Full PDB file with SEQRES, HELIX, SHEET, SSBOND, CRYST1, ORIGX, SCALE, CONECT and MASTER records, all heavy atoms in Angstrom:
SEQRES   1 A   36  THR GLY GLU SER PHE LYS VAL GLY ILE ALA GLY PHE THR          
SEQRES   2 A   36  PHE ALA LYS PHE ASP LEU ASP LYS ALA LEU GLU THR LEU          
SEQRES   3 A   36  LYS ALA VAL ASP VAL HIS TYR LEU CYS ILE                      
HELIX    1 AA1 GLY A   11  PHE A   14  5                                   4    
HELIX    2 AA2 LEU A   19  ALA A   28  1                                  10    
SHEET    1 AA1 2 ILE A   9  ALA A  10  0                                        
SHEET    2 AA1 2 LEU A  34  CYS A  35  1                                        
CRYST1    1.000    1.000    1.000  90.00  90.00  90.00 P 1           1          
ORIGX1      1.000000  0.000000  0.000000        0.00000                         
ORIGX2      0.000000  1.000000  0.000000        0.00000                         
ORIGX3      0.000000  0.000000  1.000000        0.00000                         
SCALE1      1.000000  0.000000  0.000000        0.00000                         
SCALE2      0.000000  1.000000  0.000000        0.00000                         
SCALE3      0.000000  0.000000  1.000000        0.00000                         
ATOM      1  N   THR A   1       5.378  -1.135  -4.757  1.00  0.00           N  
ATOM      2  CA  THR A   1       4.914   0.192  -4.351  1.00  0.00           C  
ATOM      3  C   THR A   1       5.705   1.261  -5.103  1.00  0.00           C  
ATOM      4  O   THR A   1       6.926   1.256  -5.112  1.00  0.00           O  
ATOM      5  CB  THR A   1       5.091   0.390  -2.830  1.00  0.00           C  
ATOM      6  OG1 THR A   1       4.394  -0.659  -2.149  1.00  0.00           O  
ATOM      7  CG2 THR A   1       4.554   1.732  -2.395  1.00  0.00           C  
ATOM      8  N   GLY A   2       4.996   2.149  -5.744  1.00  0.00           N  
ATOM      9  CA  GLY A   2       5.650   3.198  -6.525  1.00  0.00           C  
ATOM     10  C   GLY A   2       5.886   2.841  -7.977  1.00  0.00           C  
ATOM     11  O   GLY A   2       6.242   3.705  -8.784  1.00  0.00           O  
ATOM     12  N   GLU A   3       5.689   1.557  -8.328  1.00  0.00           N  
ATOM     13  CA  GLU A   3       5.801   1.164  -9.734  1.00  0.00           C  
ATOM     14  C   GLU A   3       4.520   1.541 -10.470  1.00  0.00           C  
ATOM     15  O   GLU A   3       3.482   1.806  -9.861  1.00  0.00           O  
ATOM     16  CB  GLU A   3       6.017  -0.356  -9.836  1.00  0.00           C  
ATOM     17  CG  GLU A   3       7.272  -0.869  -9.155  1.00  0.00           C  
ATOM     18  CD  GLU A   3       8.535  -0.640  -9.974  1.00  0.00           C  
ATOM     19  OE1 GLU A   3       8.453  -0.077 -11.088  1.00  0.00           O  
ATOM     20  OE2 GLU A   3       9.619  -1.041  -9.492  1.00  0.00           O  
ATOM     21  N   SER A   4       4.589   1.550 -11.793  1.00  0.00           N  
ATOM     22  CA  SER A   4       3.396   1.870 -12.574  1.00  0.00           C  
ATOM     23  C   SER A   4       2.412   0.702 -12.606  1.00  0.00           C  
ATOM     24  O   SER A   4       1.227   0.888 -12.838  1.00  0.00           O  
ATOM     25  CB  SER A   4       3.789   2.243 -14.015  1.00  0.00           C  
ATOM     26  OG  SER A   4       4.404   1.137 -14.664  1.00  0.00           O  
ATOM     27  N   PHE A   5       2.896  -0.509 -12.356  1.00  0.00           N  
ATOM     28  CA  PHE A   5       2.067  -1.708 -12.412  1.00  0.00           C  
ATOM     29  C   PHE A   5       1.766  -2.207 -10.993  1.00  0.00           C  
ATOM     30  O   PHE A   5       2.364  -1.768 -10.009  1.00  0.00           O  
ATOM     31  CB  PHE A   5       2.770  -2.814 -13.207  1.00  0.00           C  
ATOM     32  CG  PHE A   5       4.106  -3.213 -12.631  1.00  0.00           C  
ATOM     33  CD1 PHE A   5       4.209  -4.247 -11.717  1.00  0.00           C  
ATOM     34  CD2 PHE A   5       5.267  -2.551 -13.008  1.00  0.00           C  
ATOM     35  CE1 PHE A   5       5.431  -4.615 -11.179  1.00  0.00           C  
ATOM     36  CE2 PHE A   5       6.503  -2.909 -12.472  1.00  0.00           C  
ATOM     37  CZ  PHE A   5       6.577  -3.942 -11.559  1.00  0.00           C  
ATOM     38  N   LYS A   6       0.811  -3.135 -10.915  1.00  0.00           N  
ATOM     39  CA  LYS A   6       0.420  -3.718  -9.635  1.00  0.00           C  
ATOM     40  C   LYS A   6       0.621  -5.233  -9.679  1.00  0.00           C  
ATOM     41  O   LYS A   6       0.609  -5.833 -10.743  1.00  0.00           O  
ATOM     42  CB  LYS A   6      -1.047  -3.405  -9.332  1.00  0.00           C  
ATOM     43  CG  LYS A   6      -1.380  -1.922  -9.339  1.00  0.00           C  
ATOM     44  CD  LYS A   6      -2.880  -1.705  -9.215  1.00  0.00           C  
ATOM     45  CE  LYS A   6      -3.237  -0.226  -9.288  1.00  0.00           C  
ATOM     46  NZ  LYS A   6      -2.989   0.332 -10.647  1.00  0.00           N  
ATOM     47  N   VAL A   7       0.790  -5.839  -8.520  1.00  0.00           N  
ATOM     48  CA  VAL A   7       0.861  -7.294  -8.410  1.00  0.00           C  
ATOM     49  C   VAL A   7      -0.493  -7.798  -7.913  1.00  0.00           C  
ATOM     50  O   VAL A   7      -1.055  -7.266  -6.946  1.00  0.00           O  
ATOM     51  CB  VAL A   7       1.979  -7.723  -7.447  1.00  0.00           C  
ATOM     52  CG1 VAL A   7       1.919  -9.230  -7.183  1.00  0.00           C  
ATOM     53  CG2 VAL A   7       3.350  -7.348  -8.020  1.00  0.00           C  
ATOM     54  N   GLY A   8      -1.032  -8.785  -8.593  1.00  0.00           N  
ATOM     55  CA  GLY A   8      -2.319  -9.360  -8.206  1.00  0.00           C  
ATOM     56  C   GLY A   8      -2.307 -10.864  -8.366  1.00  0.00           C  
ATOM     57  O   GLY A   8      -1.267 -11.477  -8.614  1.00  0.00           O  
ATOM     58  N   ILE A   9      -3.469 -11.452  -8.216  1.00  0.00           N  
ATOM     59  CA  ILE A   9      -3.628 -12.888  -8.428  1.00  0.00           C  
ATOM     60  C   ILE A   9      -4.875 -13.129  -9.281  1.00  0.00           C  
ATOM     61  O   ILE A   9      -5.919 -12.507  -9.058  1.00  0.00           O  
ATOM     62  CB  ILE A   9      -3.742 -13.661  -7.097  1.00  0.00           C  
ATOM     63  CG1 ILE A   9      -2.432 -13.515  -6.290  1.00  0.00           C  
ATOM     64  CG2 ILE A   9      -4.032 -15.137  -7.341  1.00  0.00           C  
ATOM     65  CD1 ILE A   9      -2.398 -14.313  -5.000  1.00  0.00           C  
ATOM     66  N   ALA A  10      -4.740 -14.000 -10.265  1.00  0.00           N  
ATOM     67  CA  ALA A  10      -5.876 -14.369 -11.111  1.00  0.00           C  
ATOM     68  C   ALA A  10      -6.767 -15.349 -10.354  1.00  0.00           C  
ATOM     69  O   ALA A  10      -6.279 -16.319  -9.746  1.00  0.00           O  
ATOM     70  CB  ALA A  10      -5.377 -14.999 -12.408  1.00  0.00           C  
ATOM     71  N   GLY A  11      -8.064 -15.116 -10.410  1.00  0.00           N  
ATOM     72  CA  GLY A  11      -9.004 -15.932  -9.658  1.00  0.00           C  
ATOM     73  C   GLY A  11      -8.927 -17.412  -9.970  1.00  0.00           C  
ATOM     74  O   GLY A  11      -9.207 -18.248  -9.097  1.00  0.00           O  
ATOM     75  N   PHE A  12      -8.523 -17.770 -11.198  1.00  0.00           N  
ATOM     76  CA  PHE A  12      -8.461 -19.188 -11.567  1.00  0.00           C  
ATOM     77  C   PHE A  12      -7.515 -19.971 -10.666  1.00  0.00           C  
ATOM     78  O   PHE A  12      -7.661 -21.185 -10.493  1.00  0.00           O  
ATOM     79  CB  PHE A  12      -8.036 -19.334 -13.033  1.00  0.00           C  
ATOM     80  CG  PHE A  12      -7.999 -20.761 -13.499  1.00  0.00           C  
ATOM     81  CD1 PHE A  12      -9.166 -21.478 -13.682  1.00  0.00           C  
ATOM     82  CD2 PHE A  12      -6.786 -21.395 -13.743  1.00  0.00           C  
ATOM     83  CE1 PHE A  12      -9.126 -22.810 -14.100  1.00  0.00           C  
ATOM     84  CE2 PHE A  12      -6.743 -22.714 -14.158  1.00  0.00           C  
ATOM     85  CZ  PHE A  12      -7.915 -23.430 -14.341  1.00  0.00           C  
ATOM     86  N   THR A  13      -6.549 -19.275 -10.075  1.00  0.00           N  
ATOM     87  CA  THR A  13      -5.618 -19.903  -9.133  1.00  0.00           C  
ATOM     88  C   THR A  13      -6.364 -20.649  -8.030  1.00  0.00           C  
ATOM     89  O   THR A  13      -5.895 -21.675  -7.527  1.00  0.00           O  
ATOM     90  CB  THR A  13      -4.710 -18.819  -8.518  1.00  0.00           C  
ATOM     91  OG1 THR A  13      -3.956 -18.196  -9.572  1.00  0.00           O  
ATOM     92  CG2 THR A  13      -3.757 -19.381  -7.490  1.00  0.00           C  
ATOM     93  N   PHE A  14      -7.544 -20.131  -7.667  1.00  0.00           N  
ATOM     94  CA  PHE A  14      -8.314 -20.686  -6.554  1.00  0.00           C  
ATOM     95  C   PHE A  14      -9.528 -21.479  -7.047  1.00  0.00           C  
ATOM     96  O   PHE A  14     -10.571 -21.498  -6.402  1.00  0.00           O  
ATOM     97  CB  PHE A  14      -8.767 -19.558  -5.629  1.00  0.00           C  
ATOM     98  CG  PHE A  14      -7.627 -18.736  -5.095  1.00  0.00           C  
ATOM     99  CD1 PHE A  14      -7.388 -17.458  -5.592  1.00  0.00           C  
ATOM    100  CD2 PHE A  14      -6.783 -19.234  -4.119  1.00  0.00           C  
ATOM    101  CE1 PHE A  14      -6.330 -16.690  -5.110  1.00  0.00           C  
ATOM    102  CE2 PHE A  14      -5.733 -18.476  -3.624  1.00  0.00           C  
ATOM    103  CZ  PHE A  14      -5.500 -17.207  -4.119  1.00  0.00           C  
ATOM    104  N   ALA A  15      -9.375 -22.145  -8.184  1.00  0.00           N  
ATOM    105  CA  ALA A  15     -10.499 -22.859  -8.786  1.00  0.00           C  
ATOM    106  C   ALA A  15     -11.111 -23.902  -7.851  1.00  0.00           C  
ATOM    107  O   ALA A  15     -12.297 -24.221  -7.964  1.00  0.00           O  
ATOM    108  CB  ALA A  15     -10.056 -23.519 -10.092  1.00  0.00           C  
ATOM    109  N   LYS A  16     -10.342 -24.423  -6.919  1.00  0.00           N  
ATOM    110  CA  LYS A  16     -10.834 -25.478  -6.033  1.00  0.00           C  
ATOM    111  C   LYS A  16     -11.107 -24.977  -4.610  1.00  0.00           C  
ATOM    112  O   LYS A  16     -11.294 -25.790  -3.699  1.00  0.00           O  
ATOM    113  CB  LYS A  16      -9.831 -26.634  -6.007  1.00  0.00           C  
ATOM    114  CG  LYS A  16      -9.655 -27.276  -7.376  1.00  0.00           C  
ATOM    115  CD  LYS A  16      -8.816 -28.531  -7.321  1.00  0.00           C  
ATOM    116  CE  LYS A  16      -8.732 -29.175  -8.709  1.00  0.00           C  
ATOM    117  NZ  LYS A  16      -7.973 -30.446  -8.696  1.00  0.00           N  
ATOM    118  N   PHE A  17     -11.156 -23.637  -4.467  1.00  0.00           N  
ATOM    119  CA  PHE A  17     -11.352 -23.069  -3.133  1.00  0.00           C  
ATOM    120  C   PHE A  17     -12.365 -21.935  -3.178  1.00  0.00           C  
ATOM    121  O   PHE A  17     -12.538 -21.279  -4.209  1.00  0.00           O  
ATOM    122  CB  PHE A  17     -10.014 -22.569  -2.572  1.00  0.00           C  
ATOM    123  CG  PHE A  17      -9.003 -23.664  -2.417  1.00  0.00           C  
ATOM    124  CD1 PHE A  17      -8.123 -23.964  -3.451  1.00  0.00           C  
ATOM    125  CD2 PHE A  17      -8.966 -24.423  -1.263  1.00  0.00           C  
ATOM    126  CE1 PHE A  17      -7.210 -25.001  -3.322  1.00  0.00           C  
ATOM    127  CE2 PHE A  17      -8.052 -25.454  -1.118  1.00  0.00           C  
ATOM    128  CZ  PHE A  17      -7.176 -25.751  -2.153  1.00  0.00           C  
ATOM    129  N   ASP A  18     -13.005 -21.697  -2.044  1.00  0.00           N  
ATOM    130  CA  ASP A  18     -14.008 -20.641  -2.003  1.00  0.00           C  
ATOM    131  C   ASP A  18     -13.360 -19.270  -1.834  1.00  0.00           C  
ATOM    132  O   ASP A  18     -12.133 -19.151  -1.672  1.00  0.00           O  
ATOM    133  CB  ASP A  18     -15.040 -20.904  -0.895  1.00  0.00           C  
ATOM    134  CG  ASP A  18     -14.429 -20.923   0.509  1.00  0.00           C  
ATOM    135  OD1 ASP A  18     -13.301 -20.429   0.701  1.00  0.00           O  
ATOM    136  OD2 ASP A  18     -15.102 -21.435   1.429  1.00  0.00           O  
ATOM    137  N   LEU A  19     -14.193 -18.246  -1.877  1.00  0.00           N  
ATOM    138  CA  LEU A  19     -13.693 -16.879  -1.818  1.00  0.00           C  
ATOM    139  C   LEU A  19     -12.979 -16.598  -0.505  1.00  0.00           C  
ATOM    140  O   LEU A  19     -11.957 -15.904  -0.486  1.00  0.00           O  
ATOM    141  CB  LEU A  19     -14.849 -15.891  -2.016  1.00  0.00           C  
ATOM    142  CG  LEU A  19     -14.481 -14.407  -1.957  1.00  0.00           C  
ATOM    143  CD1 LEU A  19     -13.517 -14.032  -3.076  1.00  0.00           C  
ATOM    144  CD2 LEU A  19     -15.736 -13.545  -2.029  1.00  0.00           C  
ATOM    145  N   ASP A  20     -13.498 -17.128   0.590  1.00  0.00           N  
ATOM    146  CA  ASP A  20     -12.871 -16.874   1.889  1.00  0.00           C  
ATOM    147  C   ASP A  20     -11.425 -17.373   1.904  1.00  0.00           C  
ATOM    148  O   ASP A  20     -10.531 -16.689   2.415  1.00  0.00           O  
ATOM    149  CB  ASP A  20     -13.667 -17.544   3.006  1.00  0.00           C  
ATOM    150  CG  ASP A  20     -14.998 -16.858   3.271  1.00  0.00           C  
ATOM    151  OD1 ASP A  20     -15.122 -15.653   2.951  1.00  0.00           O  
ATOM    152  OD2 ASP A  20     -15.924 -17.510   3.778  1.00  0.00           O  
ATOM    153  N   LYS A  21     -11.196 -18.555   1.356  1.00  0.00           N  
ATOM    154  CA  LYS A  21      -9.834 -19.088   1.318  1.00  0.00           C  
ATOM    155  C   LYS A  21      -8.954 -18.270   0.385  1.00  0.00           C  
ATOM    156  O   LYS A  21      -7.767 -18.039   0.675  1.00  0.00           O  
ATOM    157  CB  LYS A  21      -9.860 -20.552   0.879  1.00  0.00           C  
ATOM    158  CG  LYS A  21      -8.505 -21.249   1.001  1.00  0.00           C  
ATOM    159  CD  LYS A  21      -8.028 -21.299   2.439  1.00  0.00           C  
ATOM    160  CE  LYS A  21      -6.736 -22.075   2.590  1.00  0.00           C  
ATOM    161  NZ  LYS A  21      -6.255 -22.114   3.986  1.00  0.00           N  
ATOM    162  N   ALA A  22      -9.520 -17.809  -0.720  1.00  0.00           N  
ATOM    163  CA  ALA A  22      -8.762 -16.963  -1.640  1.00  0.00           C  
ATOM    164  C   ALA A  22      -8.331 -15.680  -0.952  1.00  0.00           C  
ATOM    165  O   ALA A  22      -7.165 -15.262  -1.038  1.00  0.00           O  
ATOM    166  CB  ALA A  22      -9.601 -16.651  -2.876  1.00  0.00           C  
ATOM    167  N   LEU A  23      -9.257 -15.043  -0.248  1.00  0.00           N  
ATOM    168  CA  LEU A  23      -8.941 -13.784   0.424  1.00  0.00           C  
ATOM    169  C   LEU A  23      -7.952 -13.991   1.566  1.00  0.00           C  
ATOM    170  O   LEU A  23      -7.087 -13.148   1.812  1.00  0.00           O  
ATOM    171  CB  LEU A  23     -10.226 -13.125   0.926  1.00  0.00           C  
ATOM    172  CG  LEU A  23     -11.180 -12.654  -0.176  1.00  0.00           C  
ATOM    173  CD1 LEU A  23     -12.477 -12.127   0.433  1.00  0.00           C  
ATOM    174  CD2 LEU A  23     -10.529 -11.601  -1.052  1.00  0.00           C  
ATOM    175  N   GLU A  24      -8.078 -15.103   2.259  1.00  0.00           N  
ATOM    176  CA  GLU A  24      -7.115 -15.434   3.317  1.00  0.00           C  
ATOM    177  C   GLU A  24      -5.704 -15.539   2.738  1.00  0.00           C  
ATOM    178  O   GLU A  24      -4.722 -15.082   3.333  1.00  0.00           O  
ATOM    179  CB  GLU A  24      -7.522 -16.749   3.976  1.00  0.00           C  
ATOM    180  CG  GLU A  24      -6.552 -17.265   5.023  1.00  0.00           C  
ATOM    181  CD  GLU A  24      -6.915 -18.660   5.501  1.00  0.00           C  
ATOM    182  OE1 GLU A  24      -8.122 -18.935   5.666  1.00  0.00           O  
ATOM    183  OE2 GLU A  24      -5.991 -19.481   5.692  1.00  0.00           O  
ATOM    184  N   THR A  25      -5.609 -16.144   1.554  1.00  0.00           N  
ATOM    185  CA  THR A  25      -4.308 -16.312   0.905  1.00  0.00           C  
ATOM    186  C   THR A  25      -3.756 -14.974   0.429  1.00  0.00           C  
ATOM    187  O   THR A  25      -2.563 -14.690   0.597  1.00  0.00           O  
ATOM    188  CB  THR A  25      -4.436 -17.287  -0.269  1.00  0.00           C  
ATOM    189  OG1 THR A  25      -5.025 -18.511   0.188  1.00  0.00           O  
ATOM    190  CG2 THR A  25      -3.074 -17.583  -0.875  1.00  0.00           C  
ATOM    191  N   LEU A  26      -4.607 -14.139  -0.175  1.00  0.00           N  
ATOM    192  CA  LEU A  26      -4.149 -12.824  -0.608  1.00  0.00           C  
ATOM    193  C   LEU A  26      -3.609 -12.017   0.571  1.00  0.00           C  
ATOM    194  O   LEU A  26      -2.574 -11.347   0.464  1.00  0.00           O  
ATOM    195  CB  LEU A  26      -5.278 -12.055  -1.298  1.00  0.00           C  
ATOM    196  CG  LEU A  26      -5.320 -12.167  -2.826  1.00  0.00           C  
ATOM    197  CD1 LEU A  26      -5.755 -13.551  -3.267  1.00  0.00           C  
ATOM    198  CD2 LEU A  26      -6.226 -11.108  -3.434  1.00  0.00           C  
ATOM    199  N   LYS A  27      -4.304 -12.101   1.687  1.00  0.00           N  
ATOM    200  CA  LYS A  27      -3.850 -11.382   2.885  1.00  0.00           C  
ATOM    201  C   LYS A  27      -2.494 -11.896   3.355  1.00  0.00           C  
ATOM    202  O   LYS A  27      -1.606 -11.123   3.733  1.00  0.00           O  
ATOM    203  CB  LYS A  27      -4.886 -11.515   3.997  1.00  0.00           C  
ATOM    204  CG  LYS A  27      -4.545 -10.717   5.252  1.00  0.00           C  
ATOM    205  CD  LYS A  27      -5.664 -10.805   6.275  1.00  0.00           C  
ATOM    206  CE  LYS A  27      -5.346  -9.968   7.517  1.00  0.00           C  
ATOM    207  NZ  LYS A  27      -6.460 -10.042   8.506  1.00  0.00           N  
ATOM    208  N   ALA A  28      -2.316 -13.217   3.312  1.00  0.00           N  
ATOM    209  CA  ALA A  28      -1.066 -13.814   3.786  1.00  0.00           C  
ATOM    210  C   ALA A  28       0.131 -13.374   2.958  1.00  0.00           C  
ATOM    211  O   ALA A  28       1.237 -13.228   3.482  1.00  0.00           O  
ATOM    212  CB  ALA A  28      -1.187 -15.334   3.777  1.00  0.00           C  
ATOM    213  N   VAL A  29      -0.073 -13.149   1.645  1.00  0.00           N  
ATOM    214  CA  VAL A  29       1.036 -12.739   0.779  1.00  0.00           C  
ATOM    215  C   VAL A  29       1.003 -11.250   0.471  1.00  0.00           C  
ATOM    216  O   VAL A  29       1.773 -10.767  -0.368  1.00  0.00           O  
ATOM    217  CB  VAL A  29       1.059 -13.567  -0.530  1.00  0.00           C  
ATOM    218  CG1 VAL A  29       1.384 -15.019  -0.233  1.00  0.00           C  
ATOM    219  CG2 VAL A  29      -0.254 -13.450  -1.295  1.00  0.00           C  
ATOM    220  N   ASP A  30       0.129 -10.507   1.150  1.00  0.00           N  
ATOM    221  CA  ASP A  30       0.058  -9.042   1.031  1.00  0.00           C  
ATOM    222  C   ASP A  30      -0.201  -8.604  -0.408  1.00  0.00           C  
ATOM    223  O   ASP A  30       0.436  -7.688  -0.930  1.00  0.00           O  
ATOM    224  CB  ASP A  30       1.352  -8.414   1.554  1.00  0.00           C  
ATOM    225  CG  ASP A  30       1.186  -6.928   1.883  1.00  0.00           C  
ATOM    226  OD1 ASP A  30       0.026  -6.462   2.005  1.00  0.00           O  
ATOM    227  OD2 ASP A  30       2.213  -6.224   2.000  1.00  0.00           O  
ATOM    228  N   VAL A  31      -1.156  -9.276  -1.055  1.00  0.00           N  
ATOM    229  CA  VAL A  31      -1.585  -8.919  -2.412  1.00  0.00           C  
ATOM    230  C   VAL A  31      -3.006  -8.376  -2.323  1.00  0.00           C  
ATOM    231  O   VAL A  31      -3.839  -8.900  -1.589  1.00  0.00           O  
ATOM    232  CB  VAL A  31      -1.521 -10.145  -3.349  1.00  0.00           C  
ATOM    233  CG1 VAL A  31      -2.210  -9.855  -4.677  1.00  0.00           C  
ATOM    234  CG2 VAL A  31      -0.067 -10.546  -3.591  1.00  0.00           C  
ATOM    235  N   HIS A  32      -3.290  -7.328  -3.113  1.00  0.00           N  
ATOM    236  CA  HIS A  32      -4.542  -6.603  -2.931  1.00  0.00           C  
ATOM    237  C   HIS A  32      -5.382  -6.475  -4.203  1.00  0.00           C  
ATOM    238  O   HIS A  32      -6.336  -5.695  -4.223  1.00  0.00           O  
ATOM    239  CB  HIS A  32      -4.237  -5.209  -2.366  1.00  0.00           C  
ATOM    240  CG  HIS A  32      -3.464  -5.267  -1.078  1.00  0.00           C  
ATOM    241  ND1 HIS A  32      -4.070  -5.459   0.142  1.00  0.00           N  
ATOM    242  CD2 HIS A  32      -2.130  -5.215  -0.847  1.00  0.00           C  
ATOM    243  CE1 HIS A  32      -3.147  -5.489   1.092  1.00  0.00           C  
ATOM    244  NE2 HIS A  32      -1.955  -5.357   0.518  1.00  0.00           N  
ATOM    245  N   TYR A  33      -5.035  -7.241  -5.252  1.00  0.00           N  
ATOM    246  CA  TYR A  33      -5.781  -7.163  -6.509  1.00  0.00           C  
ATOM    247  C   TYR A  33      -6.136  -8.574  -6.967  1.00  0.00           C  
ATOM    248  O   TYR A  33      -5.277  -9.460  -7.032  1.00  0.00           O  
ATOM    249  CB  TYR A  33      -4.970  -6.434  -7.585  1.00  0.00           C  
ATOM    250  CG  TYR A  33      -4.737  -4.990  -7.228  1.00  0.00           C  
ATOM    251  CD1 TYR A  33      -3.617  -4.618  -6.493  1.00  0.00           C  
ATOM    252  CD2 TYR A  33      -5.665  -4.003  -7.567  1.00  0.00           C  
ATOM    253  CE1 TYR A  33      -3.404  -3.294  -6.123  1.00  0.00           C  
ATOM    254  CE2 TYR A  33      -5.462  -2.677  -7.203  1.00  0.00           C  
ATOM    255  CZ  TYR A  33      -4.344  -2.334  -6.481  1.00  0.00           C  
ATOM    256  OH  TYR A  33      -4.152  -1.028  -6.108  1.00  0.00           O  
ATOM    257  N   LEU A  34      -7.416  -8.763  -7.294  1.00  0.00           N  
ATOM    258  CA  LEU A  34      -7.929 -10.074  -7.681  1.00  0.00           C  
ATOM    259  C   LEU A  34      -8.737  -9.948  -8.955  1.00  0.00           C  
ATOM    260  O   LEU A  34      -9.634  -9.104  -9.064  1.00  0.00           O  
ATOM    261  CB  LEU A  34      -8.819 -10.637  -6.564  1.00  0.00           C  
ATOM    262  CG  LEU A  34      -9.526 -11.969  -6.843  1.00  0.00           C  
ATOM    263  CD1 LEU A  34      -8.515 -13.113  -6.916  1.00  0.00           C  
ATOM    264  CD2 LEU A  34     -10.586 -12.250  -5.771  1.00  0.00           C  
ATOM    265  N   CYS A  35      -8.431 -10.793  -9.944  1.00  0.00           N  
ATOM    266  CA  CYS A  35      -9.286 -10.902 -11.126  1.00  0.00           C  
ATOM    267  C   CYS A  35     -10.398 -11.880 -10.788  1.00  0.00           C  
ATOM    268  O   CYS A  35     -10.145 -13.025 -10.387  1.00  0.00           O  
ATOM    269  CB  CYS A  35      -8.488 -11.388 -12.330  1.00  0.00           C  
ATOM    270  SG  CYS A  35      -9.435 -11.328 -13.876  1.00  0.00           S  
ATOM    271  N   ILE A  36     -11.641 -11.439 -10.939  1.00  0.00           N  
ATOM    272  CA  ILE A  36     -12.802 -12.165 -10.428  1.00  0.00           C  
ATOM    273  C   ILE A  36     -13.223 -13.278 -11.389  1.00  0.00           C  
ATOM    274  O   ILE A  36     -13.504 -13.024 -12.565  1.00  0.00           O  
ATOM    275  CB  ILE A  36     -13.978 -11.201 -10.212  1.00  0.00           C  
ATOM    276  CG1 ILE A  36     -13.586 -10.087  -9.219  1.00  0.00           C  
ATOM    277  CG2 ILE A  36     -15.218 -11.940  -9.729  1.00  0.00           C  
ATOM    278  CD1 ILE A  36     -14.554  -8.916  -9.214  1.00  0.00           C  
TER     279      ILE A  36                                                      
MASTER        0    0    0    2    2    0    0    6  278    1    0    3          
END                                                                             
């Protein structure tokens, strides 16, 4: 927060999981940016 850059997750990380599981994981680690 306050940095010029953001922390996100690349969608390939979830190659074996559906979108719901990906979003559940992002929420758990408080990440808000996803490469689709």
